[in-house]
């Protein structure tokens, strides 16, 4: 099985994102927060970093890259539990610059919490 994060898996629809934040539920594993909504489509995932906490674009882009990579490596947890009809948004809510080890550990904890709900 390939661990990829393809174009069809990315959350891009503004309408879906608005609905996600209006009607969705969330779980947290600090410094990550997952907002999710059961949706009829296939699984769509987006990542976001607040401009308020990280003024420089290079910092936001780096954190987004780390989040996408951690999701890509740990998405087998979702595939094995057949979670295919959800829309997910992963948010980084801390003000500190993370390293990949922290993001990866917290992503596993976040997905475990999501699967238990």
Protein backbone atom coordinates (compact mmCIF):
# COMPACT_ATOMS: atom_id res chain seq x y z
CA UNK A 1 0.00 0.00 0.00
CA UNK A 2 1.32 3.41 -0.97
CA UNK A 3 1.36 6.11 1.68
CA UNK A 4 0.53 9.12 -0.44
CA UNK A 5 -1.37 12.37 -0.03
CA UNK A 6 -2.89 12.82 -3.48
CA UNK A 7 -4.84 15.67 -5.01
CA UNK A 8 -8.19 13.86 -4.63
CA UNK A 9 -7.58 13.56 -0.88
CA UNK A 10 -6.93 17.27 -0.25
CA UNK A 11 -9.65 19.51 1.15
CA UNK A 12 -10.05 22.48 -1.19
CA UNK A 13 -13.74 23.36 -1.34
CA UNK A 14 -14.47 26.64 0.47
CA UNK A 15 -18.11 25.59 0.92
CA UNK A 16 -17.09 22.31 2.60
CA UNK A 17 -14.57 24.09 4.84
CA UNK A 18 -17.21 26.58 6.01
CA UNK A 19 -19.65 23.74 6.73
CA UNK A 20 -16.90 21.86 8.58
CA UNK A 21 -16.25 24.74 10.97
CA UNK A 22 -19.96 25.48 11.47
CA UNK A 23 -21.24 21.95 12.06
CA UNK A 24 -18.13 19.89 12.85
CA UNK A 25 -16.88 18.38 16.10
CA UNK A 26 -13.31 18.43 17.32
CA UNK A 27 -10.70 16.53 19.32
CA UNK A 28 -7.37 17.85 20.57
CA UNK A 29 -3.94 16.52 21.36
CA UNK A 30 -1.99 19.70 22.11
CA UNK A 31 -0.55 21.29 19.96
CA UNK A 32 -2.86 19.74 17.34
CA UNK A 33 -6.62 20.01 16.95
CA UNK A 34 -8.74 17.96 14.56
CA UNK A 35 -12.09 19.28 13.34
CA UNK A 36 -14.16 16.59 11.63
CA UNK A 37 -17.54 16.19 9.98
CA UNK A 38 -19.17 13.08 8.57
CA UNK A 39 -19.66 13.77 4.89
CA UNK A 40 -20.94 11.68 2.00
CA UNK A 41 -17.80 12.08 -0.09
CA UNK A 42 -14.52 10.27 0.22
CA UNK A 43 -12.09 11.26 2.97
CA UNK A 44 -10.79 14.82 2.51
CA UNK A 45 -8.06 16.29 4.70
CA UNK A 46 -6.71 19.82 5.07
CA UNK A 47 -4.09 21.43 7.29
CA UNK A 48 -3.94 24.95 8.68
CA UNK A 49 -1.63 27.15 10.73
CA UNK A 50 -2.73 30.46 12.21
CA UNK A 51 -1.28 33.63 10.77
CA UNK A 52 -1.79 35.23 14.17
CA UNK A 53 0.70 32.85 15.80
CA UNK A 54 3.23 32.70 12.94
CA UNK A 55 3.66 35.98 11.10
CA UNK A 56 6.29 34.74 8.66
CA UNK A 57 4.99 32.68 5.74
CA UNK A 58 8.06 30.44 5.72
CA UNK A 59 7.24 29.28 9.27
CA UNK A 60 3.60 28.55 8.40
CA UNK A 61 4.60 26.66 5.27
CA UNK A 62 7.14 24.56 7.16
CA UNK A 63 4.61 23.58 9.83
CA UNK A 64 2.02 22.71 7.17
CA UNK A 65 4.59 20.52 5.44
CA UNK A 66 5.32 18.73 8.74
CA UNK A 67 1.58 18.22 9.37
CA UNK A 68 0.98 16.78 5.91
CA UNK A 69 3.94 14.43 6.23
CA UNK A 70 2.84 13.20 9.69
CA UNK A 71 -0.69 12.62 8.36
CA UNK A 72 0.66 10.78 5.31
CA UNK A 73 2.70 8.43 7.48
CA UNK A 74 -0.11 7.75 9.97
CA UNK A 75 -3.17 7.62 7.72
CA UNK A 76 -3.08 3.82 7.76
CA UNK A 77 -4.82 4.12 11.15
CA UNK A 78 -7.82 5.61 9.33
CA UNK A 79 -7.64 3.18 6.42
CA UNK A 80 -7.50 0.12 8.70
CA UNK A 81 -10.60 1.31 10.58
CA UNK A 82 -12.38 2.13 7.29
CA UNK A 83 -12.92 5.81 8.07
CA UNK A 84 -13.59 6.98 4.52
CA UNK A 85 -16.56 9.33 4.64
CA UNK A 86 -15.18 12.13 6.84
CA UNK A 87 -13.91 15.61 6.14
CA UNK A 88 -10.96 16.47 8.40
CA UNK A 89 -9.05 19.67 9.14
CA UNK A 90 -5.86 19.47 11.18
CA UNK A 91 -4.93 22.71 12.96
CA UNK A 92 -1.67 23.63 14.67
CA UNK A 93 -2.62 25.75 17.71
CA UNK A 94 0.65 26.34 19.57
CA UNK A 95 2.89 29.39 19.29
CA UNK A 96 6.15 27.41 19.35
CA UNK A 97 7.98 26.12 16.30
CA UNK A 98 7.72 22.29 16.39
CA UNK A 99 10.02 19.54 15.23
CA UNK A 100 8.87 16.50 13.28
CA UNK A 101 9.16 14.01 16.16
CA UNK A 102 6.69 16.01 18.27
CA UNK A 103 4.25 16.43 15.37
CA UNK A 104 4.41 12.73 14.51
CA UNK A 105 3.77 11.59 18.10
CA UNK A 106 0.91 14.05 18.55
CA UNK A 107 -0.62 13.08 15.18
CA UNK A 108 -0.76 9.45 16.32
CA UNK A 109 -2.42 10.51 19.58
CA UNK A 110 -4.87 12.74 17.72
CA UNK A 111 -5.93 10.04 15.26
CA UNK A 112 -6.30 7.55 18.13
CA UNK A 113 -8.61 9.96 19.97
CA UNK A 114 -10.61 10.54 16.79
CA UNK A 115 -11.03 6.80 16.20
CA UNK A 116 -12.20 6.23 19.77
CA UNK A 117 -15.04 8.77 19.30
